Amino acid sequence: MKAAVGDHIVVRGHRVGEPEREAEVIEVKGDDGAPPYRVRWNDGHESVFHPGSDAFVTHAERRGQ
């Protein structure tokens, strides 16, 4: 996975009916866009995030930002 500041990471729900979670990448801590990432979740809290296989990136340029 590679991401840049401004991209969003979406984490799929782990159980049936559980909603997806989304966070904005505010800092890339790995080399060349690799994890870990400092992210800001939709509820406003920030964390260092190591994405798993249930996560994917939506790139800022594809969202028109």
Protein backbone atom coordinates (compact mmCIF):
# COMPACT_ATOMS: atom_id res chain seq x y z
CA MET A 1 0.00 0.00 0.00
CA LYS A 2 1.20 3.50 -0.84
CA ALA A 3 -0.45 6.73 0.22
CA ALA A 4 0.30 10.44 0.34
CA VAL A 5 -0.82 13.27 2.59
CA GLY A 6 -4.42 14.09 1.69
CA ASP A 7 -5.32 10.56 0.61
CA HIS A 8 -7.99 8.68 2.51
CA ILE A 9 -7.76 5.18 3.91
CA VAL A 10 -10.98 3.19 4.11
CA VAL A 11 -11.26 0.18 6.42
CA ARG A 12 -14.04 -2.27 5.64
CA GLY A 13 -16.33 -3.44 8.43
CA HIS A 14 -15.27 -6.69 10.07
CA ARG A 15 -18.79 -8.01 10.66
CA VAL A 16 -22.00 -8.00 8.64
CA GLY A 17 -23.69 -4.63 9.07
CA GLU A 18 -20.62 -2.92 10.54
CA PRO A 19 -19.89 0.33 8.68
CA GLU A 20 -16.64 1.24 6.98
CA ARG A 21 -14.28 3.62 8.76
CA GLU A 22 -12.41 6.36 6.93
CA ALA A 23 -9.37 8.43 7.82
CA GLU A 24 -7.38 11.16 6.10
CA VAL A 25 -3.61 10.66 5.84
CA ILE A 26 -1.95 13.63 7.56
CA GLU A 27 1.62 12.25 7.66
CA VAL A 28 3.45 9.42 5.91
CA LYS A 29 5.97 7.86 8.29
CA GLY A 30 7.26 5.11 5.99
CA ASP A 31 9.58 5.40 3.00
CA ASP A 32 8.19 6.26 -0.45
CA GLY A 33 4.53 6.35 0.63
CA ALA A 34 4.64 3.15 2.66
CA PRO A 35 3.03 2.66 6.09
CA PRO A 36 2.79 3.55 8.87
CA TYR A 37 0.62 6.65 8.48
CA ARG A 38 -0.56 9.29 10.92
CA VAL A 39 -4.28 9.62 10.18
CA ARG A 40 -7.25 11.67 11.31
CA TRP A 41 -10.40 9.57 11.63
CA ASN A 42 -13.87 10.90 10.83
CA ASP A 43 -14.60 11.34 14.54
CA GLY A 44 -11.59 13.70 14.82
CA HIS A 45 -9.11 11.54 16.72
CA GLU A 46 -5.64 10.95 15.34
CA SER A 47 -3.52 7.83 15.46
CA VAL A 48 -0.59 6.07 13.83
CA PHE A 49 -2.11 3.43 11.57
CA HIS A 50 -0.66 0.26 10.05
CA PRO A 51 -3.25 -0.86 7.47
CA GLY A 52 -4.23 -4.49 7.12
CA SER A 53 -5.76 -6.44 4.26
CA ASP A 54 -9.17 -4.93 5.04
CA ALA A 55 -8.01 -1.40 4.11
CA PHE A 56 -7.63 0.44 0.82
CA VAL A 57 -6.53 3.93 -0.27
CA THR A 58 -8.55 6.49 -2.20
CA HIS A 59 -6.11 8.98 -3.69
CA ALA A 60 -6.76 12.71 -3.39
CA GLU A 61 -6.39 13.36 -7.14
CA ARG A 62 -9.12 10.83 -7.92
CA ARG A 63 -11.48 12.62 -5.54
CA GLY A 64 -10.80 15.95 -7.26
CA GLN A 65 -8.81 17.50 -4.42
